[in-house]
Structures are given as C-alpha cells and as structure tokens.
C-alpha cells in the first residue's frame, strides 16, 4: 500500500537489535584504534571544519568519558565545570559549547595515548552495560538540564561517534575507512529516533506540519517522522497513518547526509535517497529542521 496508510509488518526486536549494536561497537573500536595508530600527522586538517585529526581523536576520548560516566563505568565527571552556564541555550549551541570544552581535556602528551585510552573506555562501557535492558534510562546532562535517553540510544551514539569520526580522521589522514550498511542501519535505528527529536530547531519548526515515512533499505529500520506544533516525534514501525511523503534511503548514504558528511544532492542524484508519495518535495525539509552543532 502507498504512503496514504501502509500496514507495517514489524520484525523489530529491541533486545536483539541492541545486542547487534553492542557487537558492532565492539568490532568498530579496534578498527578505530588501528586507524589512529596509523595516522602520520595528528596536526593535519580532518573532515570536521576547524578541527585537526588530533582534535577529532580528543573529541572521541571526551565522548567516551561522558558516556562511561553516564552509565557508571568511569569516575563521575565534574559536570558543573564542563557544561555551559544557563539553561536557555539551544541544542546546537549547547553541544557546540560542550565540544569546544572537550577539546581542552587532553593535552599534547595525553593525546599521544588516545588509541589505548579509547580501547579501554569502550571495553569499560560494554562491561558496565552488559545485561542491561535497552530501555534503561541514562542521564545525559550535556544535551540539556534533566535530559535522559535510553541505553540503546547511548550505544547507538557511541557507534555513530566511532564510525563517523573515524571517517573524519581517515579523510584527514588519507587512510581507508569503511562504514557498512548494517552498521549505518543500526545507528539510524538505535539513536536517530531520539536524537532527531532532541535536535529539532524549534524556531524553524514553528507552524510546520509534516509527516514522513522514512524507509531504510536492506532490512533497516522504518521510522515515522512527524513534525507538528513545534515538536517532533520519531516512531519505529508506527501504526498506519497518512504521510506527506515517503523517503527511501540506503543506510550509509542517509547516515552521511544526516551528519553532513556528504551532500544531499549527490545521494539523490545517485538514487541512494529517493522521495515519493503525495508531496515528495517535502522530504528535503527534514534536514533543514534538525539542527547541527
């Protein structure tokens, strides 16, 4: 049936998918460690504007500290000293400020040991969360006062940090790096339902009414993305409803476009992202409504 109301047959098993995400993270981190050890010049520009390859590695280390602290795998961090003051910052402003502070946590001597540090922190995170339910709440103050997400979201975020920033490092160092379709699909399914809604630009979303049926090819997740009343909800395998459009995507292409690592037009021109339904042109509004640091 078309996007005016499709009956969805779901095979989504949150426990099994979270287990696959944990396994993907456990496999991706050693690849990242090998990549970092092979970097010829940590001062080279990376795939992130204004950041060197070494800066990206320091950001990854800070992220591993934050997520480890959130699940009790590391010593508690002094969040009062790390977080920006005030509660009135937007999501993008807050994350940008936290990222800037994170780069100062590791000096030149400490940065030399980041490959081993990242390996240890990933292992600690996986050990601390072994056997916990995917919907276990995890407090994430760097996203906002009182903000908590699920363990599944955090695990997906750690995988996305590893994969996407691994690509940033590889681009700067001119070394190979791969992101597989299954890995990308796990990031989309585990972290994006929460993070897309958190990162909504409320100013741009004011007065917008939009419903997109997001279908990830190759057995990936299916997301109902609905913007209404200045808020966004993203639901896995939602009940049938009318949609403005359907966006069918290849997982890696969508991941790179969503994280602004690849141009949207290129994914569309190559057929890796395709819109259909009653008003297909509205699919492009999603990227404009979700803020990035």
C-alpha atoms as a PDB file:
ATOM      1  CA  UNK A   1       0.000   0.000   0.000  1.00  0.00           C
ATOM      2  CA  UNK A   2       1.224   3.571  -0.623  1.00  0.00           C
ATOM      3  CA  UNK A   3       2.118   6.329   1.820  1.00  0.00           C
ATOM      4  CA  UNK A   4      -1.510   7.244   2.500  1.00  0.00           C
ATOM      5  CA  UNK A   5      -1.641   4.434   5.043  1.00  0.00           C
ATOM      6  CA  UNK A   6       0.579   1.377   4.950  1.00  0.00           C
ATOM      7  CA  UNK A   7       0.184  -1.672   7.127  1.00  0.00           C
ATOM      8  CA  UNK A   8       3.640  -2.372   8.530  1.00  0.00           C
ATOM      9  CA  UNK A   9       4.770  -5.870   9.362  1.00  0.00           C
ATOM     10  CA  UNK A  10       7.362  -5.419  12.058  1.00  0.00           C
ATOM     11  CA  UNK A  11      10.250  -7.704  12.891  1.00  0.00           C
ATOM     12  CA  UNK A  12      11.872  -5.185  15.218  1.00  0.00           C
ATOM     13  CA  UNK A  13      13.251  -6.828  18.350  1.00  0.00           C
ATOM     14  CA  UNK A  14      14.759  -4.122  20.592  1.00  0.00           C
ATOM     15  CA  UNK A  15      16.822  -6.578  22.634  1.00  0.00           C
ATOM     16  CA  UNK A  16      18.285  -8.322  19.588  1.00  0.00           C
ATOM     17  CA  UNK A  17      18.986  -5.045  17.795  1.00  0.00           C
ATOM     18  CA  UNK A  18      20.711  -3.611  20.839  1.00  0.00           C
ATOM     19  CA  UNK A  19      22.855  -6.746  21.056  1.00  0.00           C
ATOM     20  CA  UNK A  20      23.854  -6.294  17.407  1.00  0.00           C
ATOM     21  CA  UNK A  21      24.718  -2.668  18.097  1.00  0.00           C
ATOM     22  CA  UNK A  22      26.933  -3.664  21.013  1.00  0.00           C
ATOM     23  CA  UNK A  23      28.671  -6.220  18.799  1.00  0.00           C
ATOM     24  CA  UNK A  24      29.136  -3.611  16.054  1.00  0.00           C
ATOM     25  CA  UNK A  25      30.664  -1.174  18.568  1.00  0.00           C
ATOM     26  CA  UNK A  26      32.986  -3.867  19.909  1.00  0.00           C
ATOM     27  CA  UNK A  27      34.167  -4.532  16.352  1.00  0.00           C
ATOM     28  CA  UNK A  28      34.436  -0.882  15.244  1.00  0.00           C
ATOM     29  CA  UNK A  29      36.571   0.416  18.131  1.00  0.00           C
ATOM     30  CA  UNK A  30      39.597  -1.813  17.373  1.00  0.00           C
ATOM     31  CA  UNK A  31      39.402  -0.597  13.759  1.00  0.00           C
ATOM     32  CA  UNK A  32      39.413   2.979  15.048  1.00  0.00           C
ATOM     33  CA  UNK A  33      42.409   2.244  17.278  1.00  0.00           C
ATOM     34  CA  UNK A  34      44.361   0.816  14.339  1.00  0.00           C
ATOM     35  CA  UNK A  35      43.435   3.851  12.260  1.00  0.00           C
ATOM     36  CA  UNK A  36      44.667   6.280  14.921  1.00  0.00           C
ATOM     37  CA  UNK A  37      47.945   4.409  15.286  1.00  0.00           C
ATOM     38  CA  UNK A  38      48.472   4.703  11.534  1.00  0.00           C
ATOM     39  CA  UNK A  39      47.870   8.464  11.377  1.00  0.00           C
ATOM     40  CA  UNK A  40      51.061  10.111  10.063  1.00  0.00           C
ATOM     41  CA  UNK A  41      50.254  13.653  11.229  1.00  0.00           C
ATOM     42  CA  UNK A  42      47.792  14.389  14.042  1.00  0.00           C
ATOM     43  CA  UNK A  43      48.004  18.077  13.173  1.00  0.00           C
ATOM     44  CA  UNK A  44      46.561  17.587   9.693  1.00  0.00           C
ATOM     45  CA  UNK A  45      43.105  19.028   8.920  1.00  0.00           C
ATOM     46  CA  UNK A  46      40.319  16.493   9.445  1.00  0.00           C
ATOM     47  CA  UNK A  47      36.918  16.028   7.893  1.00  0.00           C
ATOM     48  CA  UNK A  48      35.495  18.405  10.532  1.00  0.00           C
ATOM     49  CA  UNK A  49      35.951  22.114   9.748  1.00  0.00           C
ATOM     50  CA  UNK A  50      38.489  23.802  12.067  1.00  0.00           C
ATOM     51  CA  UNK A  51      39.443  20.501  13.751  1.00  0.00           C
ATOM     52  CA  UNK A  52      42.683  18.635  13.240  1.00  0.00           C
ATOM     53  CA  UNK A  53      42.865  14.854  13.181  1.00  0.00           C
ATOM     54  CA  UNK A  54      44.137  15.055  16.759  1.00  0.00           C
ATOM     55  CA  UNK A  55      41.178  17.227  17.752  1.00  0.00           C
ATOM     56  CA  UNK A  56      38.764  14.598  16.455  1.00  0.00           C
ATOM     57  CA  UNK A  57      40.543  11.927  18.467  1.00  0.00           C
ATOM     58  CA  UNK A  58      40.358  14.139  21.586  1.00  0.00           C
ATOM     59  CA  UNK A  59      36.641  14.675  20.984  1.00  0.00           C
ATOM     60  CA  UNK A  60      36.131  10.904  20.764  1.00  0.00           C
ATOM     61  CA  UNK A  61      38.013  10.436  24.020  1.00  0.00           C
ATOM     62  CA  UNK A  62      35.884  13.074  25.753  1.00  0.00           C
ATOM     63  CA  UNK A  63      32.713  11.455  24.422  1.00  0.00           C
ATOM     64  CA  UNK A  64      33.828   8.081  25.755  1.00  0.00           C
ATOM     65  CA  UNK A  65      34.416   9.676  29.151  1.00  0.00           C
ATOM     66  CA  UNK A  66      30.953  11.242  29.133  1.00  0.00           C
ATOM     67  CA  UNK A  67      29.102   8.095  28.123  1.00  0.00           C
ATOM     68  CA  UNK A  68      31.167   5.987  30.501  1.00  0.00           C
ATOM     69  CA  UNK A  69      30.391   8.332  33.379  1.00  0.00           C
ATOM     70  CA  UNK A  70      26.697   8.302  32.471  1.00  0.00           C
ATOM     71  CA  UNK A  71      26.476   4.512  32.804  1.00  0.00           C
ATOM     72  CA  UNK A  72      28.747   4.305  35.847  1.00  0.00           C
ATOM     73  CA  UNK A  73      31.716   2.805  34.008  1.00  0.00           C
ATOM     74  CA  UNK A  74      34.061   5.687  34.900  1.00  0.00           C
ATOM     75  CA  UNK A  75      34.644   8.069  37.782  1.00  0.00           C
ATOM     76  CA  UNK A  76      32.000  10.766  37.962  1.00  0.00           C
ATOM     77  CA  UNK A  77      32.856  13.861  35.970  1.00  0.00           C
ATOM     78  CA  UNK A  78      32.535  17.379  37.338  1.00  0.00           C
ATOM     79  CA  UNK A  79      29.706  18.384  35.039  1.00  0.00           C
ATOM     80  CA  UNK A  80      29.376  21.816  36.679  1.00  0.00           C
ATOM     81  CA  UNK A  81      32.848  22.663  35.366  1.00  0.00           C
ATOM     82  CA  UNK A  82      32.289  21.153  31.922  1.00  0.00           C
ATOM     83  CA  UNK A  83      28.805  22.281  30.945  1.00  0.00           C
ATOM     84  CA  UNK A  84      27.974  25.779  29.664  1.00  0.00           C
ATOM     85  CA  UNK A  85      26.166  28.051  32.144  1.00  0.00           C
ATOM     86  CA  UNK A  86      22.473  28.782  31.791  1.00  0.00           C
ATOM     87  CA  UNK A  87      19.523  26.698  30.702  1.00  0.00           C
ATOM     88  CA  UNK A  88      18.398  28.805  27.759  1.00  0.00           C
ATOM     89  CA  UNK A  89      20.829  27.547  25.111  1.00  0.00           C
ATOM     90  CA  UNK A  90      19.513  25.733  22.084  1.00  0.00           C
ATOM     91  CA  UNK A  91      20.531  22.123  21.495  1.00  0.00           C
ATOM     92  CA  UNK A  92      23.070  23.134  18.837  1.00  0.00           C
ATOM     93  CA  UNK A  93      24.526  25.924  20.988  1.00  0.00           C
ATOM     94  CA  UNK A  94      24.869  23.630  23.975  1.00  0.00           C
ATOM     95  CA  UNK A  95      26.545  20.803  22.057  1.00  0.00           C
ATOM     96  CA  UNK A  96      28.881  23.245  20.319  1.00  0.00           C
ATOM     97  CA  UNK A  97      29.966  24.675  23.682  1.00  0.00           C
ATOM     98  CA  UNK A  98      30.483  21.225  25.207  1.00  0.00           C
ATOM     99  CA  UNK A  99      32.509  20.105  22.183  1.00  0.00           C
ATOM    100  CA  UNK A 100      34.773  23.143  22.497  1.00  0.00           C
ATOM    101  CA  UNK A 101      35.407  22.402  26.176  1.00  0.00           C
ATOM    102  CA  UNK A 102      36.014  18.724  25.427  1.00  0.00           C
ATOM    103  CA  UNK A 103      38.990  19.559  23.201  1.00  0.00           C
ATOM    104  CA  UNK A 104      40.786  21.118  26.175  1.00  0.00           C
ATOM    105  CA  UNK A 105      40.631  17.968  28.317  1.00  0.00           C
ATOM    106  CA  UNK A 106      43.588  16.269  26.648  1.00  0.00           C
ATOM    107  CA  UNK A 107      46.967  17.965  26.266  1.00  0.00           C
ATOM    108  CA  UNK A 108      49.654  17.036  23.703  1.00  0.00           C
ATOM    109  CA  UNK A 109      51.205  14.318  25.874  1.00  0.00           C
ATOM    110  CA  UNK A 110      47.809  12.780  26.688  1.00  0.00           C
ATOM    111  CA  UNK A 111      46.755  12.821  23.049  1.00  0.00           C
ATOM    112  CA  UNK A 112      49.633  10.511  22.188  1.00  0.00           C
ATOM    113  CA  UNK A 113      47.991   7.803  24.283  1.00  0.00           C
ATOM    114  CA  UNK A 114      44.443   8.203  22.972  1.00  0.00           C
ATOM    115  CA  UNK A 115      44.294   4.944  20.968  1.00  0.00           C
ATOM    116  CA  UNK A 116      44.770   2.872  24.108  1.00  0.00           C
ATOM    117  CA  UNK A 117      42.515   5.188  26.108  1.00  0.00           C
ATOM    118  CA  UNK A 118      39.655   4.737  23.622  1.00  0.00           C
ATOM    119  CA  UNK A 119      40.053   0.966  23.609  1.00  0.00           C
ATOM    120  CA  UNK A 120      39.938   0.829  27.415  1.00  0.00           C
ATOM    121  CA  UNK A 121      36.910   3.120  27.693  1.00  0.00           C
ATOM    122  CA  UNK A 122      34.915   1.193  25.106  1.00  0.00           C
ATOM    123  CA  UNK A 123      35.635  -2.054  26.920  1.00  0.00           C
ATOM    124  CA  UNK A 124      34.609  -0.494  30.235  1.00  0.00           C
ATOM    125  CA  UNK A 125      31.370   0.820  28.720  1.00  0.00           C
ATOM    126  CA  UNK A 126      30.432  -2.583  27.291  1.00  0.00           C
ATOM    127  CA  UNK A 127      31.264  -4.338  30.558  1.00  0.00           C
ATOM    128  CA  UNK A 128      29.266  -1.850  32.657  1.00  0.00           C
ATOM    129  CA  UNK A 129      26.183  -2.182  30.432  1.00  0.00           C
ATOM    130  CA  UNK A 130      26.311  -5.939  29.874  1.00  0.00           C
ATOM    131  CA  UNK A 131      22.862  -7.430  30.513  1.00  0.00           C
ATOM    132  CA  UNK A 132      21.073  -4.093  30.979  1.00  0.00           C
ATOM    133  CA  UNK A 133      17.781  -3.600  29.169  1.00  0.00           C
ATOM    134  CA  UNK A 134      17.884  -1.387  26.056  1.00  0.00           C
ATOM    135  CA  UNK A 135      15.335   0.981  27.597  1.00  0.00           C
ATOM    136  CA  UNK A 136      17.418   1.587  30.743  1.00  0.00           C
ATOM    137  CA  UNK A 137      17.421   5.385  31.296  1.00  0.00           C
ATOM    138  CA  UNK A 138      20.771   7.174  31.052  1.00  0.00           C
ATOM    139  CA  UNK A 139      21.176  10.770  32.210  1.00  0.00           C
ATOM    140  CA  UNK A 140      22.905  12.959  29.599  1.00  0.00           C
ATOM    141  CA  UNK A 141      23.301  16.488  31.038  1.00  0.00           C
ATOM    142  CA  UNK A 142      25.381  17.669  28.066  1.00  0.00           C
ATOM    143  CA  UNK A 143      22.202  17.568  25.953  1.00  0.00           C
ATOM    144  CA  UNK A 144      20.272  19.716  28.395  1.00  0.00           C
ATOM    145  CA  UNK A 145      19.224  20.007  32.050  1.00  0.00           C
ATOM    146  CA  UNK A 146      17.465  16.831  33.152  1.00  0.00           C
ATOM    147  CA  UNK A 147      17.714  15.180  29.742  1.00  0.00           C
ATOM    148  CA  UNK A 148      17.855  11.381  29.818  1.00  0.00           C
ATOM    149  CA  UNK A 149      17.902   8.930  26.934  1.00  0.00           C
ATOM    150  CA  UNK A 150      17.829   5.147  26.753  1.00  0.00           C
ATOM    151  CA  UNK A 151      20.837   2.862  26.873  1.00  0.00           C
ATOM    152  CA  UNK A 152      20.001   1.780  23.321  1.00  0.00           C
ATOM    153  CA  UNK A 153      20.320   5.407  22.216  1.00  0.00           C
ATOM    154  CA  UNK A 154      23.655   5.830  24.014  1.00  0.00           C
ATOM    155  CA  UNK A 155      25.050   2.636  22.491  1.00  0.00           C
ATOM    156  CA  UNK A 156      23.922   3.803  19.051  1.00  0.00           C
ATOM    157  CA  UNK A 157      25.541   7.189  19.681  1.00  0.00           C
ATOM    158  CA  UNK A 158      28.837   5.581  20.653  1.00  0.00           C
ATOM    159  CA  UNK A 159      28.720   3.554  17.446  1.00  0.00           C
ATOM    160  CA  UNK A 160      27.916   6.659  15.395  1.00  0.00           C
ATOM    161  CA  UNK A 161      30.768   8.617  17.034  1.00  0.00           C
ATOM    162  CA  UNK A 162      33.174   5.794  16.211  1.00  0.00           C
ATOM    163  CA  UNK A 163      32.052   5.372  12.608  1.00  0.00           C
ATOM    164  CA  UNK A 164      31.512   8.989  11.570  1.00  0.00           C
ATOM    165  CA  UNK A 165      34.528  10.447  13.347  1.00  0.00           C
ATOM    166  CA  UNK A 166      36.590   7.515  12.132  1.00  0.00           C
ATOM    167  CA  UNK A 167      35.707   8.740   8.659  1.00  0.00           C
ATOM    168  CA  UNK A 168      36.715  12.298   9.620  1.00  0.00           C
ATOM    169  CA  UNK A 169      40.105  11.050  10.805  1.00  0.00           C
ATOM    170  CA  UNK A 170      40.604   8.853   7.735  1.00  0.00           C
ATOM    171  CA  UNK A 171      39.788  11.710   5.378  1.00  0.00           C
ATOM    172  CA  UNK A 172      42.323  13.968   7.059  1.00  0.00           C
ATOM    173  CA  UNK A 173      44.995  11.267   7.221  1.00  0.00           C
ATOM    174  CA  UNK A 174      44.209   9.974   3.713  1.00  0.00           C
ATOM    175  CA  UNK A 175      43.702   6.465   5.030  1.00  0.00           C
ATOM    176  CA  UNK A 176      40.952   3.944   4.239  1.00  0.00           C
ATOM    177  CA  UNK A 177      37.848   3.696   6.418  1.00  0.00           C
ATOM    178  CA  UNK A 178      34.604   1.866   5.789  1.00  0.00           C
ATOM    179  CA  UNK A 179      31.079   2.161   7.151  1.00  0.00           C
ATOM    180  CA  UNK A 180      28.983  -0.887   6.343  1.00  0.00           C
ATOM    181  CA  UNK A 181      25.269  -0.726   5.590  1.00  0.00           C
ATOM    182  CA  UNK A 182      24.377  -2.836   8.628  1.00  0.00           C
ATOM    183  CA  UNK A 183      26.432  -0.581  10.932  1.00  0.00           C
ATOM    184  CA  UNK A 184      24.777   2.511   9.477  1.00  0.00           C
ATOM    185  CA  UNK A 185      21.335   0.955   9.816  1.00  0.00           C
ATOM    186  CA  UNK A 186      21.972   0.210  13.495  1.00  0.00           C
ATOM    187  CA  UNK A 187      22.946   3.835  14.147  1.00  0.00           C
ATOM    188  CA  UNK A 188      19.791   5.043  12.395  1.00  0.00           C
ATOM    189  CA  UNK A 189      17.537   2.669  14.295  1.00  0.00           C
ATOM    190  CA  UNK A 190      19.101   2.971  17.739  1.00  0.00           C
ATOM    191  CA  UNK A 191      19.996   6.646  18.075  1.00  0.00           C
ATOM    192  CA  UNK A 192      18.159   8.707  15.471  1.00  0.00           C
ATOM    193  CA  UNK A 193      14.594   8.318  16.793  1.00  0.00           C
ATOM    194  CA  UNK A 194      15.685  10.109  19.961  1.00  0.00           C
ATOM    195  CA  UNK A 195      18.337  12.447  18.610  1.00  0.00           C
ATOM    196  CA  UNK A 196      16.358  13.811  15.660  1.00  0.00           C
ATOM    197  CA  UNK A 197      13.627  14.920  18.047  1.00  0.00           C
ATOM    198  CA  UNK A 198      16.117  16.395  20.540  1.00  0.00           C
ATOM    199  CA  UNK A 199      17.930  18.324  17.813  1.00  0.00           C
ATOM    200  CA  UNK A 200      14.804  19.826  16.275  1.00  0.00           C
ATOM    201  CA  UNK A 201      15.208  23.534  15.533  1.00  0.00           C
ATOM    202  CA  UNK A 202      12.073  24.753  17.264  1.00  0.00           C
ATOM    203  CA  UNK A 203      12.157  28.151  15.561  1.00  0.00           C
ATOM    204  CA  UNK A 204      12.202  26.603  12.104  1.00  0.00           C
ATOM    205  CA  UNK A 205       9.606  24.016  13.129  1.00  0.00           C
ATOM    206  CA  UNK A 206       7.105  26.610  14.307  1.00  0.00           C
ATOM    207  CA  UNK A 207       3.983  26.353  12.178  1.00  0.00           C
ATOM    208  CA  UNK A 208       5.278  23.310  10.268  1.00  0.00           C
ATOM    209  CA  UNK A 209       3.097  20.227   9.834  1.00  0.00           C
ATOM    210  CA  UNK A 210       4.949  17.347   8.207  1.00  0.00           C
ATOM    211  CA  UNK A 211       4.759  13.542   8.244  1.00  0.00           C
ATOM    212  CA  UNK A 212       7.473  11.480   6.545  1.00  0.00           C
ATOM    213  CA  UNK A 213       7.591   7.708   6.170  1.00  0.00           C
ATOM    214  CA  UNK A 214      11.343   7.007   6.337  1.00  0.00           C
ATOM    215  CA  UNK A 215      12.235   3.582   4.981  1.00  0.00           C
ATOM    216  CA  UNK A 216      15.815   2.285   5.224  1.00  0.00           C
ATOM    217  CA  UNK A 217      16.647  -0.244   2.536  1.00  0.00           C
ATOM    218  CA  UNK A 218      18.183  -3.636   3.160  1.00  0.00           C
ATOM    219  CA  UNK A 219      16.061  -4.562   6.137  1.00  0.00           C
ATOM    220  CA  UNK A 220      16.861  -1.383   8.046  1.00  0.00           C
ATOM    221  CA  UNK A 221      14.513   0.464  10.379  1.00  0.00           C
ATOM    222  CA  UNK A 222      11.309   2.172   9.339  1.00  0.00           C
ATOM    223  CA  UNK A 223      10.622   5.492  11.033  1.00  0.00           C
ATOM    224  CA  UNK A 224       7.525   7.667  11.159  1.00  0.00           C
ATOM    225  CA  UNK A 225       8.865  11.226  11.450  1.00  0.00           C
ATOM    226  CA  UNK A 226       6.124  13.687  12.403  1.00  0.00           C
ATOM    227  CA  UNK A 227       6.566  17.418  12.991  1.00  0.00           C
ATOM    228  CA  UNK A 228       3.610  19.275  14.449  1.00  0.00           C
ATOM    229  CA  UNK A 229       3.064  22.018  16.987  1.00  0.00           C
ATOM    230  CA  UNK A 230       6.768  22.879  17.103  1.00  0.00           C
ATOM    231  CA  UNK A 231       7.747  19.368  18.198  1.00  0.00           C
ATOM    232  CA  UNK A 232       8.947  16.192  16.502  1.00  0.00           C
ATOM    233  CA  UNK A 233       8.161  12.552  17.217  1.00  0.00           C
ATOM    234  CA  UNK A 234      10.040   9.689  15.594  1.00  0.00           C
ATOM    235  CA  UNK A 235       8.454   6.256  15.962  1.00  0.00           C
ATOM    236  CA  UNK A 236       9.720   2.827  14.959  1.00  0.00           C
ATOM    237  CA  UNK A 237       7.251   0.786  12.849  1.00  0.00           C
ATOM    238  CA  UNK A 238       4.353   3.109  13.585  1.00  0.00           C
ATOM    239  CA  UNK A 239       0.697   2.244  13.115  1.00  0.00           C
ATOM    240  CA  UNK A 240      -0.759   3.132   9.689  1.00  0.00           C
ATOM    241  CA  UNK A 241      -1.411   6.825   9.098  1.00  0.00           C
ATOM    242  CA  UNK A 242      -1.408   9.317   6.213  1.00  0.00           C
ATOM    243  CA  UNK A 243       2.033  10.617   5.217  1.00  0.00           C
ATOM    244  CA  UNK A 244       3.025  13.607   3.145  1.00  0.00           C
ATOM    245  CA  UNK A 245       5.848  11.629   1.579  1.00  0.00           C
ATOM    246  CA  UNK A 246       7.944   8.509   1.772  1.00  0.00           C
ATOM    247  CA  UNK A 247      11.738   8.793   1.863  1.00  0.00           C
ATOM    248  CA  UNK A 248      13.507   5.567   0.883  1.00  0.00           C
ATOM    249  CA  UNK A 249      17.219   5.591   1.634  1.00  0.00           C
ATOM    250  CA  UNK A 250      20.339   3.481   1.608  1.00  0.00           C
ATOM    251  CA  UNK A 251      21.611   3.410   5.197  1.00  0.00           C
ATOM    252  CA  UNK A 252      25.169   4.631   4.657  1.00  0.00           C
ATOM    253  CA  UNK A 253      24.090   7.436   2.326  1.00  0.00           C
ATOM    254  CA  UNK A 254      21.427   8.648   4.760  1.00  0.00           C
ATOM    255  CA  UNK A 255      23.842   8.473   7.700  1.00  0.00           C
ATOM    256  CA  UNK A 256      26.435  10.617   5.927  1.00  0.00           C
ATOM    257  CA  UNK A 257      23.863  13.139   4.723  1.00  0.00           C
ATOM    258  CA  UNK A 258      22.269  13.336   8.185  1.00  0.00           C
ATOM    259  CA  UNK A 259      25.684  14.025   9.764  1.00  0.00           C
ATOM    260  CA  UNK A 260      26.536  16.485   6.985  1.00  0.00           C
ATOM    261  CA  UNK A 261      29.462  14.394   5.750  1.00  0.00           C
ATOM    262  CA  UNK A 262      28.073  14.071   2.218  1.00  0.00           C
ATOM    263  CA  UNK A 263      25.973  16.420   0.067  1.00  0.00           C
ATOM    264  CA  UNK A 264      22.284  15.666  -0.137  1.00  0.00           C
ATOM    265  CA  UNK A 265      22.123  16.325  -3.873  1.00  0.00           C
ATOM    266  CA  UNK A 266      24.696  13.615  -4.570  1.00  0.00           C
ATOM    267  CA  UNK A 267      22.725  10.968  -2.667  1.00  0.00           C
ATOM    268  CA  UNK A 268      19.552  11.990  -4.508  1.00  0.00           C
ATOM    269  CA  UNK A 269      21.233  12.060  -7.926  1.00  0.00           C
ATOM    270  CA  UNK A 270      22.703   8.592  -7.393  1.00  0.00           C
ATOM    271  CA  UNK A 271      19.355   7.125  -6.308  1.00  0.00           C
ATOM    272  CA  UNK A 272      20.549   6.389  -2.765  1.00  0.00           C
ATOM    273  CA  UNK A 273      17.851   8.676  -1.373  1.00  0.00           C
ATOM    274  CA  UNK A 274      14.507   8.738  -3.157  1.00  0.00           C
ATOM    275  CA  UNK A 275      11.300  10.554  -2.244  1.00  0.00           C
ATOM    276  CA  UNK A 276       7.776   9.567  -3.258  1.00  0.00           C
ATOM    277  CA  UNK A 277       4.193   9.912  -2.099  1.00  0.00           C
ATOM    278  CA  UNK A 278       1.730  12.772  -2.301  1.00  0.00           C
ATOM    279  CA  UNK A 279       4.203  15.619  -1.724  1.00  0.00           C
ATOM    280  CA  UNK A 280       7.713  14.216  -2.235  1.00  0.00           C
ATOM    281  CA  UNK A 281       9.384  17.630  -2.251  1.00  0.00           C
ATOM    282  CA  UNK A 282       8.714  17.954   1.476  1.00  0.00           C
ATOM    283  CA  UNK A 283      11.250  15.224   2.273  1.00  0.00           C
ATOM    284  CA  UNK A 284      14.091  17.708   1.904  1.00  0.00           C
ATOM    285  CA  UNK A 285      12.702  19.749   4.806  1.00  0.00           C
ATOM    286  CA  UNK A 286      13.826  17.171   7.369  1.00  0.00           C
ATOM    287  CA  UNK A 287      17.488  18.132   7.147  1.00  0.00           C
ATOM    288  CA  UNK A 288      16.583  21.800   7.426  1.00  0.00           C
ATOM    289  CA  UNK A 289      14.575  21.247  10.597  1.00  0.00           C
ATOM    290  CA  UNK A 290      17.183  19.222  12.507  1.00  0.00           C
ATOM    291  CA  UNK A 291      19.932  21.412  13.952  1.00  0.00           C
ATOM    292  CA  UNK A 292      23.600  20.509  13.936  1.00  0.00           C
ATOM    293  CA  UNK A 293      26.435  21.878  16.082  1.00  0.00           C
END
